[in-house]
Amino acid sequence: MTDSISISTDSAQLEEKATLLANKLALPFAVLDPDKIQLVLSQNQTEIRSPELGNPIFIDFVTGKNAHRRQFGGGRGQPLAKAIGLKKGATPTIIDATAGFARDAFVLANLGCQITLIERNPLIACLIEDALNRAAADDDINEVIQRMSLINHDAIDYLSKLNNQQRPDVIYMDPMYPSREKSALVKKDMRLLHQLAGPDTDSEQLLTTAINTALKRVVVKRPKSAPFVGEQKPTTSIESKNTRYDIYLA
């Protein structure tokens, strides 16, 4: 998918930075083209622009939905926190093996967890890195951002190379679910994620690797009606309105 993507900028001051990023990612630098998918460095943020998606897509931890969820998401009583094993006196270390747009990772960092985000797609990783850098300058959430670290790597490879001291208490997975491309229910940012990441062919292998790596548990986020990953039955599950968290105890 990345072979049809270029790096660009809408600011003359950022051309050198954009060119360096293009070289780093081994992608072409090009002038802005509304008919192509481009990772664009703008004055305010790094964003992905695509002719199919209307407005640019970027990640923002300071305002919008992430800020609302941080303030009103339900704290440690929300299903995600319960599934991870957050309770009084217990704040596990976490690896989010499929970071995506980092929404759940941000929630968990806000609840006090040290969390390593692994994102193998370099363009999505650029969006996360840019969002972390911008949020680190915000006094209200700087402390939260300090608990988040990003690694642009393949999760299976990364997990399989950890030594005993590096193993986390919990590994969290939100594997790609088959996209309903024509459905209006699929938000544009998720369509983009599907577009960039391609089909998910290794979630079963990732789950096996995660179970062998996590010290306490693996948590897999699924749509409520979805089958278990690789037909591996979890120890237990926690459900919310549209989502199921399958828990595999180590």
Protein backbone atom coordinates (compact mmCIF):
# COMPACT_ATOMS: atom_id res chain seq x y z
CA MET A 1 0.00 0.00 0.00
CA THR A 2 2.80 2.45 0.87
CA ASP A 3 4.19 2.31 -2.68
CA SER A 4 1.41 4.69 -3.81
CA ILE A 5 1.94 7.17 -0.95
CA SER A 6 4.15 10.24 -0.86
CA ILE A 7 5.26 12.77 1.75
CA SER A 8 4.39 16.43 1.32
CA THR A 9 3.91 19.70 3.17
CA ASP A 10 1.75 22.80 2.86
CA SER A 11 4.44 25.00 4.41
CA ALA A 12 7.67 26.19 2.77
CA GLN A 13 9.33 26.25 6.21
CA LEU A 14 8.69 22.52 6.63
CA GLU A 15 10.02 21.36 3.26
CA GLU A 16 13.40 20.31 4.61
CA LYS A 17 11.78 18.39 7.49
CA ALA A 18 9.34 16.72 5.09
CA THR A 19 12.18 15.73 2.73
CA LEU A 20 14.14 14.22 5.61
CA LEU A 21 11.07 12.25 6.69
CA ALA A 22 10.53 11.02 3.13
CA ASN A 23 14.12 9.78 3.04
CA LYS A 24 13.73 8.09 6.42
CA LEU A 25 10.57 6.29 5.30
CA ALA A 26 11.97 5.54 1.82
CA LEU A 27 8.98 7.29 0.25
CA PRO A 28 8.96 10.01 -2.41
CA PHE A 29 8.61 13.68 -1.52
CA ALA A 30 6.01 15.32 -3.76
CA VAL A 31 4.06 18.55 -4.14
CA LEU A 32 0.57 18.53 -2.64
CA ASP A 33 -1.80 16.48 -4.76
CA PRO A 34 -5.47 16.24 -3.71
CA ASP A 35 -5.89 13.12 -5.85
CA LYS A 36 -3.26 11.08 -3.99
CA ILE A 37 -2.81 9.67 -0.49
CA GLN A 38 -0.15 11.79 1.20
CA LEU A 39 1.37 12.17 4.63
CA VAL A 40 1.41 15.94 5.00
CA LEU A 41 3.43 18.00 7.45
CA SER A 42 1.37 21.09 8.18
CA GLN A 43 2.06 23.90 10.66
CA ASN A 44 -0.39 22.50 13.21
CA GLN A 45 0.05 18.74 12.89
CA THR A 46 1.14 15.81 10.76
CA GLU A 47 -1.85 14.42 8.91
CA ILE A 48 -2.87 11.98 6.22
CA ARG A 49 -4.84 13.35 3.30
CA SER A 50 -6.71 11.07 0.95
CA PRO A 51 -9.14 11.90 -1.87
CA GLU A 52 -11.61 9.30 -0.56
CA LEU A 53 -11.74 10.60 2.98
CA GLY A 54 -12.65 14.28 2.85
CA ASN A 55 -11.02 16.02 5.81
CA PRO A 56 -7.44 15.16 6.78
CA ILE A 57 -6.90 12.57 9.50
CA PHE A 58 -4.59 13.24 12.44
CA ILE A 59 -4.39 12.24 16.10
CA ASP A 60 -5.11 14.71 18.90
CA PHE A 61 -4.80 13.79 22.58
CA VAL A 62 -5.43 17.33 23.85
CA THR A 63 -8.92 18.09 22.50
CA GLY A 64 -11.82 16.28 20.84
CA LYS A 65 -12.88 12.69 21.49
CA ASN A 66 -9.71 11.65 23.30
CA ALA A 67 -10.03 14.55 25.75
CA HIS A 68 -13.72 13.79 26.31
CA ARG A 69 -13.02 10.12 26.97
CA ARG A 70 -10.20 11.05 29.37
CA GLN A 71 -12.57 13.23 31.39
CA PHE A 72 -15.80 11.25 31.17
CA GLY A 73 -14.81 7.70 30.21
CA GLY A 74 -15.59 6.12 33.57
CA GLY A 75 -12.12 5.83 35.10
CA ARG A 76 -11.10 2.46 36.45
CA GLY A 77 -14.71 1.31 36.38
CA GLN A 78 -14.90 1.19 32.57
CA PRO A 79 -14.82 -2.24 30.87
CA LEU A 80 -11.38 -1.68 29.30
CA ALA A 81 -9.81 -0.91 32.70
CA LYS A 82 -11.48 -3.94 34.31
CA ALA A 83 -10.29 -6.20 31.49
CA ILE A 84 -6.71 -4.96 31.86
CA GLY A 85 -6.86 -5.75 35.61
CA LEU A 86 -6.73 -2.21 36.95
CA LYS A 87 -7.82 -2.10 40.56
CA LYS A 88 -6.78 -0.44 43.79
CA GLY A 89 -3.10 -1.06 44.33
CA ALA A 90 -2.68 -2.70 40.91
CA THR A 91 -1.44 -0.65 37.94
CA PRO A 92 0.08 -3.11 35.48
CA THR A 93 2.72 -2.40 32.85
CA ILE A 94 1.25 -2.80 29.37
CA ILE A 95 2.30 -3.34 25.79
CA ASP A 96 -0.34 -2.31 23.25
CA ALA A 97 0.68 -4.60 20.39
CA THR A 98 -1.64 -3.00 17.81
CA ALA A 99 -1.59 0.71 18.63
CA GLY A 100 -3.57 2.03 15.65
CA PHE A 101 -4.75 5.54 16.51
CA ALA A 102 -3.69 4.99 20.16
CA ARG A 103 -7.07 5.80 21.71
CA ASP A 104 -7.17 2.91 24.18
CA ALA A 105 -3.48 3.36 25.00
CA PHE A 106 -4.16 7.00 25.90
CA VAL A 107 -7.02 5.94 28.19
CA LEU A 108 -4.79 3.43 29.98
CA ALA A 109 -1.93 5.92 30.35
CA ASN A 110 -4.43 8.39 31.79
CA LEU A 111 -5.37 5.75 34.37
CA GLY A 112 -1.74 5.55 35.49
CA CYS A 113 -0.29 2.72 33.40
CA GLN A 114 3.14 2.73 31.79
CA ILE A 115 2.34 1.63 28.25
CA THR A 116 4.48 0.81 25.22
CA LEU A 117 2.69 1.30 21.92
CA ILE A 118 3.76 -0.89 19.01
CA GLU A 119 2.61 0.21 15.56
CA ARG A 120 4.13 -1.47 12.53
CA ASN A 121 2.74 0.89 9.88
CA PRO A 122 5.25 3.74 9.59
CA LEU A 123 2.66 6.32 8.51
CA ILE A 124 0.35 5.63 11.45
CA ALA A 125 3.41 5.65 13.73
CA CYS A 126 4.22 9.15 12.39
CA LEU A 127 0.73 10.33 13.35
CA ILE A 128 1.11 8.91 16.87
CA GLU A 129 4.59 10.39 17.32
CA ASP A 130 3.38 13.81 16.20
CA ALA A 131 0.37 13.64 18.56
CA LEU A 132 2.60 12.63 21.49
CA ASN A 133 4.99 15.51 20.78
CA ARG A 134 2.17 18.07 20.62
CA ALA A 135 0.47 16.72 23.74
CA ALA A 136 3.73 16.70 25.71
CA ALA A 137 3.68 20.50 25.49
CA ASP A 138 0.26 20.65 27.19
CA ASP A 139 0.54 21.09 30.96
CA ASP A 140 -2.75 19.28 31.64
CA ILE A 141 -1.70 15.97 30.11
CA ASN A 142 2.10 16.10 29.96
CA GLU A 143 2.28 13.62 32.85
CA VAL A 144 0.00 11.20 30.98
CA ILE A 145 2.08 11.44 27.79
CA GLN A 146 5.27 10.66 29.73
CA ARG A 147 3.79 7.21 30.46
CA MET A 148 3.46 6.44 26.72
CA SER A 149 6.34 5.27 24.52
CA LEU A 150 6.10 4.40 20.83
CA ILE A 151 7.90 1.73 18.82
CA ASN A 152 7.48 1.43 15.04
CA HIS A 153 8.05 -2.30 14.62
CA ASP A 154 6.34 -5.61 13.95
CA ALA A 155 4.74 -6.70 17.23
CA ILE A 156 5.38 -10.45 16.83
CA ASP A 157 9.07 -9.84 16.21
CA TYR A 158 9.33 -7.31 19.03
CA LEU A 159 7.57 -9.50 21.62
CA SER A 160 9.52 -12.61 20.71
CA LYS A 161 12.82 -10.84 21.44
CA LEU A 162 11.97 -9.51 24.92
CA ASN A 163 13.99 -10.86 27.82
CA ASN A 164 12.38 -11.74 31.18
CA GLN A 165 13.03 -8.29 32.65
CA GLN A 166 11.33 -6.61 29.68
CA ARG A 167 8.15 -8.68 29.71
CA PRO A 168 5.03 -6.62 30.57
CA ASP A 169 2.27 -7.60 32.98
CA VAL A 170 -0.35 -7.23 30.24
CA ILE A 171 -0.38 -7.33 26.45
CA TYR A 172 -3.33 -5.62 24.78
CA MET A 173 -4.47 -6.40 21.24
CA ASP A 174 -7.11 -4.81 19.04
CA PRO A 175 -6.65 -6.79 15.81
CA MET A 176 -8.13 -5.53 12.59
CA TYR A 177 -11.64 -6.82 12.00
CA PRO A 178 -12.69 -7.50 8.38
CA SER A 179 -13.73 -4.14 6.95
CA ARG A 180 -17.24 -3.48 5.74
CA GLU A 181 -15.90 -1.24 2.99
CA LYS A 182 -19.29 -0.08 1.72
CA SER A 183 -20.87 0.45 5.11
CA ALA A 184 -21.56 3.98 6.31
CA LEU A 185 -20.99 2.63 9.81
CA VAL A 186 -17.26 2.33 9.21
CA LYS A 187 -15.78 5.68 10.20
CA LYS A 188 -13.41 7.27 7.72
CA ASP A 189 -10.39 6.99 10.02
CA MET A 190 -10.98 3.25 10.38
CA ARG A 191 -11.34 2.91 6.61
CA LEU A 192 -7.98 4.63 6.28
CA LEU A 193 -6.45 2.28 8.84
CA HIS A 194 -7.71 -0.70 6.84
CA GLN A 195 -6.41 0.90 3.65
CA LEU A 196 -2.92 1.50 5.02
CA ALA A 197 -2.49 -1.65 7.08
CA GLY A 198 -3.98 -4.09 4.59
CA PRO A 199 -5.65 -7.34 5.65
CA ASP A 200 -4.89 -8.73 9.09
CA THR A 201 -3.28 -12.11 8.47
CA ASP A 202 -1.30 -12.73 11.65
CA SER A 203 -3.56 -11.96 14.64
CA GLU A 204 -3.63 -15.67 15.58
CA GLN A 205 0.17 -15.82 15.64
CA LEU A 206 0.29 -12.52 17.56
CA LEU A 207 -2.09 -13.89 20.20
CA THR A 208 0.04 -17.02 20.66
CA THR A 209 3.20 -14.91 20.97
CA ALA A 210 1.48 -12.54 23.40
CA ILE A 211 0.26 -15.39 25.63
CA ASN A 212 3.82 -16.72 25.79
CA THR A 213 5.18 -13.26 26.66
CA ALA A 214 2.77 -11.52 29.08
CA LEU A 215 3.41 -12.07 32.79
CA LYS A 216 -0.23 -11.84 33.86
CA ARG A 217 -2.72 -11.64 30.98
CA VAL A 218 -3.47 -10.89 27.37
CA VAL A 219 -6.55 -8.81 26.54
CA VAL A 220 -8.04 -8.95 23.04
CA LYS A 221 -10.61 -6.34 21.99
CA ARG A 222 -13.28 -7.66 19.63
CA PRO A 223 -16.61 -6.58 18.20
CA LYS A 224 -19.25 -8.14 20.46
CA SER A 225 -20.38 -10.75 17.91
CA ALA A 226 -16.93 -11.58 16.51
CA PRO A 227 -15.42 -15.05 16.87
CA PHE A 228 -12.46 -15.60 19.19
CA VAL A 229 -9.10 -14.95 17.54
CA GLY A 230 -7.83 -18.23 16.12
CA GLU A 231 -10.77 -19.95 17.83
CA GLN A 232 -8.73 -19.78 21.07
CA LYS A 233 -11.23 -19.69 23.90
CA PRO A 234 -10.38 -17.03 26.50
CA THR A 235 -10.30 -17.58 30.25
CA THR A 236 -13.11 -15.05 30.57
CA SER A 237 -14.61 -12.06 28.76
CA ILE A 238 -15.92 -8.64 29.74
CA GLU A 239 -18.58 -7.06 27.52
CA SER A 240 -19.69 -3.50 26.90
CA LYS A 241 -22.40 -2.25 24.55
CA ASN A 242 -20.69 -3.09 21.24
CA THR A 243 -17.37 -4.53 22.37
CA ARG A 244 -16.02 -7.66 24.01
CA TYR A 245 -12.69 -7.95 25.82
CA ASP A 246 -11.40 -11.54 25.74
CA ILE A 247 -8.99 -12.22 28.62
CA TYR A 248 -6.33 -14.92 28.46
CA LEU A 249 -4.68 -15.38 31.85
CA ALA A 250 -1.00 -16.27 31.79
